[in-house]
C-alpha atoms as a PDB file:
ATOM      1  CA  MET A   1       8.189  36.671 -23.807  1.00  0.00           C
ATOM      2  CA  ALA A   2       9.281  32.805 -25.187  1.00  0.00           C
ATOM      3  CA  GLY A   3      11.117  32.606 -21.716  1.00  0.00           C
ATOM      4  CA  GLU A   4       8.544  33.458 -19.790  1.00  0.00           C
ATOM      5  CA  VAL A   5       5.765  31.436 -22.004  1.00  0.00           C
ATOM      6  CA  LEU A   6       8.020  28.718 -21.170  1.00  0.00           C
ATOM      7  CA  LEU A   7       8.754  29.399 -17.407  1.00  0.00           C
ATOM      8  CA  GLY A   8       5.195  29.198 -17.519  1.00  0.00           C
ATOM      9  CA  TRP A   9       4.295  25.953 -18.660  1.00  0.00           C
ATOM     10  CA  VAL A  10       6.741  25.027 -15.810  1.00  0.00           C
ATOM     11  CA  ALA A  11       4.631  26.140 -13.333  1.00  0.00           C
ATOM     12  CA  VAL A  12       1.356  24.180 -14.953  1.00  0.00           C
ATOM     13  CA  GLY A  13       2.986  21.453 -15.611  1.00  0.00           C
ATOM     14  CA  LEU A  14       4.728  21.450 -11.497  1.00  0.00           C
ATOM     15  CA  VAL A  15       1.184  22.787 -10.053  1.00  0.00           C
ATOM     16  CA  VAL A  16      -0.784  19.615 -11.795  1.00  0.00           C
ATOM     17  CA  PHE A  17       1.952  17.100 -10.417  1.00  0.00           C
ATOM     18  CA  VAL A  18       1.330  18.760  -7.057  1.00  0.00           C
ATOM     19  CA  LEU A  19      -2.234  18.015  -7.218  1.00  0.00           C
ATOM     20  CA  GLY A  20      -2.736  15.177  -8.869  1.00  0.00           C
ATOM     21  CA  CYS A  21      -0.404  13.711  -6.634  1.00  0.00           C
ATOM     22  CA  GLY A  22      -2.359  14.704  -4.069  1.00  0.00           C
ATOM     23  CA  TRP A  23      -5.024  13.421  -5.169  1.00  0.00           C
ATOM     24  CA  ARG A  24      -4.122  10.330  -6.078  1.00  0.00           C
ATOM     25  CA  ALA A  25      -3.156   9.590  -2.645  1.00  0.00           C
ATOM     26  CA  TRP A  26      -6.450  10.642  -0.701  1.00  0.00           C
ATOM     27  CA  ARG A  27      -7.919   8.123  -2.874  1.00  0.00           C
ATOM     28  CA  TYR A  28      -5.457   5.470  -1.968  1.00  0.00           C
ATOM     29  CA  ARG A  29      -5.975   6.744   1.652  1.00  0.00           C
ATOM     30  CA  SER A  30      -9.750   7.117   1.477  1.00  0.00           C
ATOM     31  CA  ALA A  31      -9.657   3.820  -0.758  1.00  0.00           C
ATOM     32  CA  PRO A  32     -12.079   0.542   0.993  1.00  0.00           C
ATOM     33  CA  VAL A  33      -9.989  -1.673   3.240  1.00  0.00           C
ATOM     34  CA  HIS A  34      -7.718  -4.126   1.891  1.00  0.00           C
ATOM     35  CA  LEU A  35      -8.069  -8.020   2.534  1.00  0.00           C
ATOM     36  CA  ARG A  36      -6.286  -8.396   5.778  1.00  0.00           C
ATOM     37  CA  TRP A  37      -3.884 -11.394   5.220  1.00  0.00           C
ATOM     38  CA  ASP A  38      -0.884 -12.742   7.288  1.00  0.00           C
ATOM     39  CA  LEU A  39       2.238 -11.516   4.971  1.00  0.00           C
ATOM     40  CA  TYR A  40       5.126 -12.288   6.509  1.00  0.00           C
ATOM     41  CA  PRO A  41       7.554 -11.959   7.480  1.00  0.00           C
ATOM     42  CA  VAL A  42       6.898  -8.249   8.646  1.00  0.00           C
ATOM     43  CA  ALA A  43       9.770  -5.267   8.548  1.00  0.00           C
ATOM     44  CA  HIS A  44       8.848  -3.752  11.536  1.00  0.00           C
ATOM     45  CA  GLU A  45       8.827  -7.060  14.164  1.00  0.00           C
ATOM     46  CA  PRO A  46      12.470  -7.234  15.948  1.00  0.00           C
ATOM     47  CA  LYS A  47      14.976  -9.020  14.041  1.00  0.00           C
ATOM     48  CA  ALA A  48      14.866 -12.389  15.804  1.00  0.00           C
ATOM     49  CA  ARG A  49      11.311 -12.967  14.779  1.00  0.00           C
ATOM     50  CA  ARG A  50      12.051 -11.045  11.384  1.00  0.00           C
ATOM     51  CA  GLU A  51      14.387 -13.479  10.261  1.00  0.00           C
ATOM     52  CA  HIS A  52      12.319 -16.808  10.751  1.00  0.00           C
ATOM     53  CA  GLY A  53       9.223 -14.937   9.381  1.00  0.00           C
ATOM     54  CA  GLY A  54       7.725 -14.882  12.402  1.00  0.00           C
ATOM     55  CA  SER A  55       4.945 -12.395  13.918  1.00  0.00           C
ATOM     56  CA  TYR A  56       3.734 -10.692  17.799  1.00  0.00           C
ATOM     57  CA  LEU A  57       1.116 -13.657  17.595  1.00  0.00           C
ATOM     58  CA  GLU A  58       3.779 -16.720  18.699  1.00  0.00           C
ATOM     59  CA  GLU A  59       4.234 -15.004  21.956  1.00  0.00           C
ATOM     60  CA  LYS A  60       1.867 -16.450  24.307  1.00  0.00           C
ATOM     61  CA  GLU A  61      -1.070 -14.236  25.265  1.00  0.00           C
ATOM     62  CA  TRP A  62       0.219 -11.834  23.006  1.00  0.00           C
ATOM     63  CA  TRP A  63      -2.579  -9.579  23.595  1.00  0.00           C
ATOM     64  CA  LYS A  64      -1.058  -8.541  27.152  1.00  0.00           C
ATOM     65  CA  LYS A  65       2.039  -7.834  26.070  1.00  0.00           C
ATOM     66  CA  PRO A  66       3.564  -4.074  24.788  1.00  0.00           C
ATOM     67  CA  ARG A  67       3.673  -5.133  21.294  1.00  0.00           C
ATOM     68  CA  GLU A  68       7.786  -4.916  20.137  1.00  0.00           C
ATOM     69  CA  ARG A  69       8.248  -2.876  16.389  1.00  0.00           C
ATOM     70  CA  SER A  70      11.548  -2.459  14.954  1.00  0.00           C
ATOM     71  CA  LEU A  71      11.819   0.930  12.910  1.00  0.00           C
ATOM     72  CA  TRP A  72      14.884   0.268  11.727  1.00  0.00           C
ATOM     73  CA  GLY A  73      13.725  -1.998  10.106  1.00  0.00           C
ATOM     74  CA  GLU A  74      11.287  -0.932   8.553  1.00  0.00           C
ATOM     75  CA  LEU A  75      13.683   2.053   7.163  1.00  0.00           C
ATOM     76  CA  LEU A  76      16.553  -0.894   5.936  1.00  0.00           C
ATOM     77  CA  ALA A  77      14.095  -2.917   4.511  1.00  0.00           C
ATOM     78  CA  MET A  78      12.544   0.315   2.437  1.00  0.00           C
ATOM     79  CA  LEU A  79      15.895   1.777   1.469  1.00  0.00           C
ATOM     80  CA  GLY A  80      16.865  -1.842  -0.392  1.00  0.00           C
ATOM     81  CA  GLU A  81      13.461  -1.436  -2.194  1.00  0.00           C
ATOM     82  CA  ILE A  82      14.182   2.453  -2.917  1.00  0.00           C
ATOM     83  CA  VAL A  83      18.311   1.614  -3.320  1.00  0.00           C
ATOM     84  CA  LEU A  84      18.483  -1.713  -4.643  1.00  0.00           C
ATOM     85  CA  LEU A  85      14.990  -2.424  -5.929  1.00  0.00           C
ATOM     86  CA  GLN A  86      15.746  -5.965  -4.152  1.00  0.00           C
ATOM     87  CA  GLY A  87      11.635  -6.991  -4.342  1.00  0.00           C
ATOM     88  CA  VAL A  88      12.932  -6.955  -8.541  1.00  0.00           C
ATOM     89  CA  ARG A  89      16.201  -8.099  -8.138  1.00  0.00           C
ATOM     90  CA  GLU A  90      15.495 -11.396  -6.526  1.00  0.00           C
ATOM     91  CA  ASN A  91      11.975 -12.087  -8.830  1.00  0.00           C
ATOM     92  CA  ASN A  92      13.398 -10.752 -12.157  1.00  0.00           C
ATOM     93  CA  ARG A  93      17.625 -10.434 -12.234  1.00  0.00           C
ATOM     94  CA  ARG A  94      17.013  -9.171 -16.193  1.00  0.00           C
ATOM     95  CA  LEU A  95      14.271  -6.422 -15.830  1.00  0.00           C
ATOM     96  CA  TRP A  96      16.571  -5.490 -12.491  1.00  0.00           C
ATOM     97  CA  ARG A  97      19.913  -4.963 -14.751  1.00  0.00           C
ATOM     98  CA  ALA A  98      17.933  -2.131 -17.038  1.00  0.00           C
ATOM     99  CA  SER A  99      15.511  -0.959 -13.625  1.00  0.00           C
ATOM    100  CA  LEU A 100      18.613  -0.110 -11.524  1.00  0.00           C
ATOM    101  CA  PRO A 101      20.216   2.421 -13.563  1.00  0.00           C
ATOM    102  CA  PHE A 102      16.924   4.187 -14.529  1.00  0.00           C
ATOM    103  CA  HIS A 103      15.827   4.294 -11.024  1.00  0.00           C
ATOM    104  CA  TRP A 104      19.216   6.036 -10.280  1.00  0.00           C
ATOM    105  CA  GLY A 105      19.153   8.487 -12.934  1.00  0.00           C
ATOM    106  CA  LEU A 106      15.755   9.727 -11.492  1.00  0.00           C
ATOM    107  CA  TYR A 107      17.375   9.989  -8.335  1.00  0.00           C
ATOM    108  CA  LEU A 108      19.809  11.994  -9.402  1.00  0.00           C
ATOM    109  CA  LEU A 109      17.641  14.347 -11.617  1.00  0.00           C
ATOM    110  CA  VAL A 110      15.812  14.776  -8.741  1.00  0.00           C
ATOM    111  CA  VAL A 111      19.221  15.700  -7.047  1.00  0.00           C
ATOM    112  CA  THR A 112      19.947  18.372  -9.680  1.00  0.00           C
ATOM    113  CA  SER A 113      16.060  19.911 -10.131  1.00  0.00           C
ATOM    114  CA  LEU A 114      16.632  20.557  -6.321  1.00  0.00           C
ATOM    115  CA  GLY A 115      20.304  21.539  -7.136  1.00  0.00           C
ATOM    116  CA  ILE A 116      18.745  24.267  -9.990  1.00  0.00           C
ATOM    117  CA  PHE A 117      16.027  25.995  -7.787  1.00  0.00           C
ATOM    118  CA  ALA A 118      19.225  26.107  -4.948  1.00  0.00           C
ATOM    119  CA  ALA A 119      21.345  27.892  -7.991  1.00  0.00           C
ATOM    120  CA  ALA A 120      18.265  29.811  -8.731  1.00  0.00           C
ATOM    121  CA  LEU A 121      18.572  31.424  -5.319  1.00  0.00           C
ATOM    122  CA  GLY A 122      22.078  32.237  -5.376  1.00  0.00           C
ATOM    123  CA  TRP A 123      24.398  29.067  -5.298  1.00  0.00           C
ATOM    124  CA  ASN A 124      26.472  29.260  -8.179  1.00  0.00           C
ATOM    125  CA  GLY A 125      30.235  28.783  -6.893  1.00  0.00           C
ATOM    126  CA  PRO A 126      32.507  26.006  -8.471  1.00  0.00           C
ATOM    127  CA  GLY A 127      30.570  23.178  -6.310  1.00  0.00           C
ATOM    128  CA  ALA A 128      27.717  24.337  -7.573  1.00  0.00           C
ATOM    129  CA  ARG A 129      28.731  23.429 -11.093  1.00  0.00           C
ATOM    130  CA  LEU A 130      30.575  20.575 -10.515  1.00  0.00           C
ATOM    131  CA  VAL A 131      27.566  19.306  -8.521  1.00  0.00           C
ATOM    132  CA  LEU A 132      25.096  20.254 -11.009  1.00  0.00           C
ATOM    133  CA  GLY A 133      27.072  18.984 -13.710  1.00  0.00           C
ATOM    134  CA  VAL A 134      28.034  15.289 -12.102  1.00  0.00           C
ATOM    135  CA  ALA A 135      24.629  14.931 -11.409  1.00  0.00           C
ATOM    136  CA  GLY A 136      23.046  16.219 -14.274  1.00  0.00           C
ATOM    137  CA  GLY A 137      25.174  14.285 -16.609  1.00  0.00           C
ATOM    138  CA  ALA A 138      25.410  10.948 -14.646  1.00  0.00           C
ATOM    139  CA  GLY A 139      21.544  10.717 -13.581  1.00  0.00           C
ATOM    140  CA  GLY A 140      20.529  11.969 -17.489  1.00  0.00           C
ATOM    141  CA  LEU A 141      23.008   9.036 -18.962  1.00  0.00           C
ATOM    142  CA  LEU A 142      21.717   6.443 -16.608  1.00  0.00           C
ATOM    143  CA  LEU A 143      18.117   7.574 -16.983  1.00  0.00           C
ATOM    144  CA  ALA A 144      18.542   7.441 -20.892  1.00  0.00           C
ATOM    145  CA  LEU A 145      20.296   3.916 -20.523  1.00  0.00           C
ATOM    146  CA  GLY A 146      17.788   2.353 -18.475  1.00  0.00           C
ATOM    147  CA  ALA A 147      14.508   3.542 -20.299  1.00  0.00           C
ATOM    148  CA  GLY A 148      16.162   2.377 -23.236  1.00  0.00           C
ATOM    149  CA  GLY A 149      16.559  -0.948 -21.502  1.00  0.00           C
ATOM    150  CA  LEU A 150      13.453  -1.078 -19.921  1.00  0.00           C
ATOM    151  CA  LEU A 151      11.492  -0.352 -23.238  1.00  0.00           C
ATOM    152  CA  ALA A 152      13.392  -3.327 -25.576  1.00  0.00           C
ATOM    153  CA  LEU A 153      13.094  -5.478 -22.582  1.00  0.00           C
ATOM    154  CA  ARG A 154       8.470  -4.937 -22.427  1.00  0.00           C
ATOM    155  CA  SER A 155       8.733  -4.802 -26.538  1.00  0.00           C
ATOM    156  CA  ALA A 156      10.563  -8.106 -26.631  1.00  0.00           C
ATOM    157  CA  ASP A 157      10.071 -10.193 -23.699  1.00  0.00           C
ATOM    158  CA  ALA A 158       7.207 -12.677 -23.851  1.00  0.00           C
ATOM    159  CA  LYS A 159       6.476 -12.023 -20.198  1.00  0.00           C
ATOM    160  CA  LEU A 160       6.027  -8.647 -19.796  1.00  0.00           C
ATOM    161  CA  LYS A 161       4.730  -7.432 -23.465  1.00  0.00           C
ATOM    162  CA  PRO A 162       1.110  -8.465 -21.935  1.00  0.00           C
ATOM    163  CA  TYR A 163       1.786  -6.427 -19.314  1.00  0.00           C
ATOM    164  CA  THR A 164       2.912  -3.297 -21.461  1.00  0.00           C
ATOM    165  CA  THR A 165       0.393  -0.646 -22.116  1.00  0.00           C
ATOM    166  CA  PRO A 166       0.997   1.898 -25.297  1.00  0.00           C
ATOM    167  CA  LEU A 167       1.070   4.456 -22.289  1.00  0.00           C
ATOM    168  CA  ASP A 168       4.325   2.381 -20.677  1.00  0.00           C
ATOM    169  CA  ARG A 169       6.166   2.803 -23.864  1.00  0.00           C
ATOM    170  CA  LEU A 170       5.252   6.812 -24.356  1.00  0.00           C
ATOM    171  CA  ASN A 171       6.342   7.190 -20.466  1.00  0.00           C
ATOM    172  CA  LEU A 172       9.536   5.412 -20.694  1.00  0.00           C
ATOM    173  CA  GLY A 173      10.172   7.105 -24.246  1.00  0.00           C
ATOM    174  CA  VAL A 174       9.879  10.566 -22.974  1.00  0.00           C
ATOM    175  CA  LEU A 175      12.164   9.821 -20.206  1.00  0.00           C
ATOM    176  CA  LEU A 176      14.792   8.751 -22.440  1.00  0.00           C
ATOM    177  CA  VAL A 177      14.439  11.507 -24.443  1.00  0.00           C
ATOM    178  CA  LEU A 178      14.841  13.542 -20.953  1.00  0.00           C
ATOM    179  CA  GLY A 179      17.672  11.612 -19.839  1.00  0.00           C
ATOM    180  CA  ALA A 180      19.562  11.961 -23.120  1.00  0.00           C
ATOM    181  CA  LEU A 181      18.658  16.376 -23.001  1.00  0.00           C
ATOM    182  CA  SER A 182      20.145  16.398 -19.426  1.00  0.00           C
ATOM    183  CA  ALA A 183      23.344  14.550 -20.297  1.00  0.00           C
ATOM    184  CA  SER A 184      23.897  17.130 -23.224  1.00  0.00           C
ATOM    185  CA  ILE A 185      23.423  19.574 -21.435  1.00  0.00           C
ATOM    186  CA  ALA A 186      25.567  18.803 -18.505  1.00  0.00           C
ATOM    187  CA  LEU A 187      28.228  18.847 -21.354  1.00  0.00           C
ATOM    188  CA  SER A 188      27.132  21.723 -23.523  1.00  0.00           C
ATOM    189  CA  GLU A 189      29.722  24.984 -22.677  1.00  0.00           C
ATOM    190  CA  GLY A 190      27.525  26.328 -20.062  1.00  0.00           C
ATOM    191  CA  GLY A 191      26.435  23.459 -18.628  1.00  0.00           C
ATOM    192  CA  VAL A 192      23.285  22.791 -16.172  1.00  0.00           C
ATOM    193  CA  LEU A 193      24.419  26.038 -13.873  1.00  0.00           C
ATOM    194  CA  GLY A 194      24.635  27.698 -16.760  1.00  0.00           C
ATOM    195  CA  ALA A 195      20.660  26.799 -18.168  1.00  0.00           C
ATOM    196  CA  ALA A 196      20.003  27.564 -14.798  1.00  0.00           C
ATOM    197  CA  THR A 197      21.624  30.690 -14.305  1.00  0.00           C
ATOM    198  CA  ALA A 198      19.565  32.195 -17.893  1.00  0.00           C
ATOM    199  CA  LEU A 199      16.227  30.313 -16.195  1.00  0.00           C
ATOM    200  CA  ALA A 200      16.371  31.973 -12.880  1.00  0.00           C
ATOM    201  CA  ASP A 201      17.343  35.731 -14.788  1.00  0.00           C
ATOM    202  CA  THR A 202      14.318  35.042 -17.093  1.00  0.00           C
ATOM    203  CA  ALA A 203      12.246  34.436 -13.707  1.00  0.00           C
ATOM    204  CA  ARG A 204      13.386  37.685 -12.227  1.00  0.00           C
ATOM    205  CA  GLY A 205      12.465  39.745 -14.948  1.00  0.00           C
ATOM    206  CA  ARG A 206      15.827  39.932 -16.618  1.00  0.00           C
ATOM    207  CA  PRO A 207      15.507  37.768 -19.591  1.00  0.00           C
ATOM    208  CA  ALA A 208      18.368  35.678 -21.038  1.00  0.00           C
ATOM    209  CA  PRO A 209      18.881  33.846 -23.996  1.00  0.00           C
ATOM    210  CA  ILE A 210      17.657  30.119 -23.226  1.00  0.00           C
ATOM    211  CA  PRO A 211      19.985  27.731 -25.260  1.00  0.00           C
ATOM    212  CA  PRO A 212      17.608  25.106 -27.827  1.00  0.00           C
ATOM    213  CA  LEU A 213      18.544  22.076 -25.534  1.00  0.00           C
ATOM    214  CA  VAL A 214      17.805  23.652 -22.131  1.00  0.00           C
ATOM    215  CA  ALA A 215      14.019  25.150 -23.626  1.00  0.00           C
ATOM    216  CA  VAL A 216      13.071  21.975 -25.384  1.00  0.00           C
ATOM    217  CA  HIS A 217      14.042  19.528 -21.870  1.00  0.00           C
ATOM    218  CA  ALA A 218      12.055  22.013 -19.387  1.00  0.00           C
ATOM    219  CA  ALA A 219       9.057  21.874 -21.969  1.00  0.00           C
ATOM    220  CA  VAL A 220       9.235  18.192 -22.136  1.00  0.00           C
ATOM    221  CA  GLY A 221      10.119  17.545 -18.635  1.00  0.00           C
ATOM    222  CA  ALA A 222       7.106  20.086 -17.522  1.00  0.00           C
ATOM    223  CA  LEU A 223       4.531  17.344 -19.826  1.00  0.00           C
ATOM    224  CA  PHE A 224       5.993  14.606 -18.794  1.00  0.00           C
ATOM    225  CA  LEU A 225       5.239  16.195 -15.090  1.00  0.00           C
ATOM    226  CA  PHE A 226       1.441  17.438 -16.156  1.00  0.00           C
ATOM    227  CA  TYR A 227      -0.012  14.028 -16.956  1.00  0.00           C
ATOM    228  CA  LEU A 228       2.629  11.384 -14.868  1.00  0.00           C
ATOM    229  CA  PRO A 229      -0.033  11.295 -11.406  1.00  0.00           C
ATOM    230  CA  PHE A 230      -2.839   9.450 -13.736  1.00  0.00           C
ATOM    231  CA  THR A 231      -0.316   7.136 -14.512  1.00  0.00           C
ATOM    232  CA  ARG A 232       1.076   4.297 -13.044  1.00  0.00           C
ATOM    233  CA  MET A 233       3.846   5.886 -11.866  1.00  0.00           C
ATOM    234  CA  VAL A 234       2.923   7.132  -9.371  1.00  0.00           C
ATOM    235  CA  HIS A 235       4.180   4.002  -7.647  1.00  0.00           C
ATOM    236  CA  LEU A 236       6.499   6.763  -6.142  1.00  0.00           C
ATOM    237  CA  PHE A 237       4.545   6.730  -3.361  1.00  0.00           C
ATOM    238  CA  ALA A 238       1.597   5.010  -4.218  1.00  0.00           C
ATOM    239  CA  LYS A 239       4.099   1.789  -2.525  1.00  0.00           C
ATOM    240  CA  TYR A 240       3.693   3.703   1.165  1.00  0.00           C
ATOM    241  CA  PHE A 241       0.416   2.525   0.791  1.00  0.00           C
ATOM    242  CA  THR A 242       1.166  -1.163  -0.637  1.00  0.00           C
ATOM    243  CA  TYR A 243       3.784  -1.119   2.142  1.00  0.00           C
ATOM    244  CA  HIS A 244       2.554   0.094   5.367  1.00  0.00           C
ATOM    245  CA  LYS A 245      -1.044  -0.508   4.994  1.00  0.00           C
ATOM    246  CA  VAL A 246      -1.244  -3.446   3.161  1.00  0.00           C
ATOM    247  CA  ARG A 247       1.766  -5.879   3.332  1.00  0.00           C
ATOM    248  CA  TRP A 248       2.871  -4.744   6.905  1.00  0.00           C
ATOM    249  CA  ASP A 249      -0.257  -4.140   8.589  1.00  0.00           C
ATOM    250  CA  ASP A 250      -0.710  -6.685  10.717  1.00  0.00           C
ATOM    251  CA  GLU A 251      -2.195  -4.823  13.716  1.00  0.00           C
ATOM    252  CA  PRO A 252      -4.804  -6.339  16.078  1.00  0.00           C
ATOM    253  CA  LEU A 253      -8.346  -6.089  15.343  1.00  0.00           C
ATOM    254  CA  GLU A 254     -10.361  -4.340  18.342  1.00  0.00           C
ATOM    255  CA  PRO A 255     -13.983  -3.797  19.057  1.00  0.00           C
ATOM    256  CA  GLY A 256     -14.851  -0.125  18.207  1.00  0.00           C
ATOM    257  CA  SER A 257     -11.483   1.099  16.637  1.00  0.00           C
ATOM    258  CA  PRO A 258     -11.561   2.356  13.059  1.00  0.00           C
ATOM    259  CA  MET A 259     -10.118  -0.610  11.396  1.00  0.00           C
ATOM    260  CA  ALA A 260     -13.142  -2.171  12.909  1.00  0.00           C
ATOM    261  CA  ARG A 261     -15.705   0.314  11.228  1.00  0.00           C
ATOM    262  CA  ARG A 262     -14.253   0.204   8.014  1.00  0.00           C
ATOM    263  CA  LEU A 263     -14.338  -3.644   7.931  1.00  0.00           C
ATOM    264  CA  ARG A 264     -17.870  -3.568   9.028  1.00  0.00           C
ATOM    265  CA  ALA A 265     -18.761  -1.357   5.982  1.00  0.00           C
ATOM    266  CA  ALA A 266     -16.764  -2.787   3.628  1.00  0.00           C
ATOM    267  CA  LEU A 267     -18.861  -6.061   4.295  1.00  0.00           C
ATOM    268  CA  GLU A 268     -21.915  -3.946   3.541  1.00  0.00           C
ATOM    269  CA  TYR A 269     -20.813  -4.028   0.103  1.00  0.00           C
ATOM    270  CA  GLY A 270     -22.927  -5.921  -2.558  1.00  0.00           C
ATOM    271  CA  VAL A 271     -22.209  -9.114  -4.492  1.00  0.00           C
ATOM    272  CA  ASP A 272     -22.840  -9.427  -8.339  1.00  0.00           C
ATOM    273  CA  TRP A 273     -20.806 -12.313  -8.986  1.00  0.00           C
ATOM    274  CA  SER A 274     -22.549 -14.666 -11.610  1.00  0.00           C
ATOM    275  CA  ALA A 275     -21.322 -18.057  -9.525  1.00  0.00           C
ATOM    276  CA  GLU A 276     -24.707 -19.899  -8.200  1.00  0.00           C
ATOM    277  CA  HIS A 277     -22.362 -21.115  -4.935  1.00  0.00           C
ATOM    278  CA  VAL A 278     -21.903 -16.969  -4.599  1.00  0.00           C
ATOM    279  CA  GLY A 279     -25.287 -16.222  -4.151  1.00  0.00           C
ATOM    280  CA  ALA A 280     -25.408 -13.068  -5.798  1.00  0.00           C
ATOM    281  CA  GLY A 281     -27.319 -10.032  -4.371  1.00  0.00           C
ATOM    282  CA  ARG A 282     -26.321 -10.645  -0.895  1.00  0.00           C
ATOM    283  CA  SER A 283     -23.718  -8.462   1.201  1.00  0.00           C
ATOM    284  CA  TRP A 284     -20.324  -9.720   1.747  1.00  0.00           C
ATOM    285  CA  GLY A 285     -21.590  -9.701   5.586  1.00  0.00           C
ATOM    286  CA  GLU A 286     -24.350 -12.569   4.493  1.00  0.00           C
ATOM    287  CA  VAL A 287     -21.805 -14.295   2.291  1.00  0.00           C
ATOM    288  CA  ALA A 288     -19.389 -14.943   4.914  1.00  0.00           C
ATOM    289  CA  THR A 289     -21.932 -15.537   7.563  1.00  0.00           C
ATOM    290  CA  SER A 290     -24.032 -17.822   5.432  1.00  0.00           C
ATOM    291  CA  LEU A 291     -24.163 -21.766   3.760  1.00  0.00           C
ATOM    292  CA  PRO A 292     -24.017 -21.359  -0.209  1.00  0.00           C
ATOM    293  CA  PRO A 293     -26.988 -22.025  -1.173  1.00  0.00           C
ATOM    294  CA  ALA A 294     -28.043 -25.685  -1.649  1.00  0.00           C
ATOM    295  CA  GLU A 295     -26.990 -27.422  -5.165  1.00  0.00           C
ATOM    296  CA  THR A 296     -30.285 -28.729  -6.969  1.00  0.00           C
ATOM    297  CA  LYS A 297     -29.953 -32.764  -7.746  1.00  0.00           C
ATOM    298  CA  GLY A 298     -31.650 -34.406 -10.861  1.00  0.00           C
ATOM    299  CA  GLY A 299     -31.837 -30.976 -12.243  1.00  0.00           C
ATOM    300  CA  GLU A 300     -34.865 -29.727  -9.749  1.00  0.00           C
END
C-alpha cells in the first residue's frame, strides 16, 4: 500500500508540474507586448552583421529586400546559454562557478529520469545500469555541490542577498537534498536501476520493497515538481520568451499585423503615475502624442 501511495503522490506532482508550466507559459504568451527596443547583436542576423552588432536596418532600402536569418546563429547562442551559461560567466564569474555544476547536475538527472522510464519499459541490461549509475551519481553530486555553493553565495554575497528570497533558499535546499539522495542511490547496492525496477513493479501491481532512500527521494522530488511552476525557476522555459520574444524580436512593424494590433491595445492602457509631468488619468497613447502639462510659474 505504501508503494501505491508513493506512486500516486509522484503522479500528482507530475500532473501539477505539467499543468502549472502550461499555465505559466500561457500567461507569458498572452501578456501585453513588451517594450520594443533595439538590443543588438541579434542572434539570427547573418554572421557578418552579428559580429559587429549590426542589423538589417543598416541595409539601404531594407524594406525592399528579403530578410536574411541565421538559424545556426540562434542555435549557437542557445547552446551557449544552456550548456555553458555564457551570460552568467561574462557577468558574474564567481556565481558561474557554482551555477554551472548546478545546471549540469539538473541536466544529468533529467537524463536519469528518462532512463528510469525506459528501464520501466524493459531497458534493464548492463548498459542501462552503467548509464543510470553514471548519470544519476554524477548528476546528484554536481547538483548537491552547485546548490550548496549557490546557497552559500546567496547568503553571504552582499550584492546577491537583496535578491534572494526565502523561497529561493528553500528551492536550493530541496535540490541539495535531492542531489545528495541521487548520489547515494547511485552508490547503493541496487543502484538506480534497482530503484527503477522496484518502482516499475509496484506500478504494474506487483508491489516490491522500495528502499527508504528511493522512497524519500521520490516523495521530495514530487513535492518539488508540485510547486516548481509557481517559483522563479520556471526560467527553464520562460527564457524562450525572454530571448525570442523580447531580446531577438526585431520584426518590422507593418500596418494591420498582429504586432500592430497588440501595440495599439497597449497604447490604450491608462496611466496612473503621480508625476505631474506625465499627467495621470490619460492613456499611454495620449501621453506619447502630446506635450507635458505646462508648468505653472510663481506658484500660479
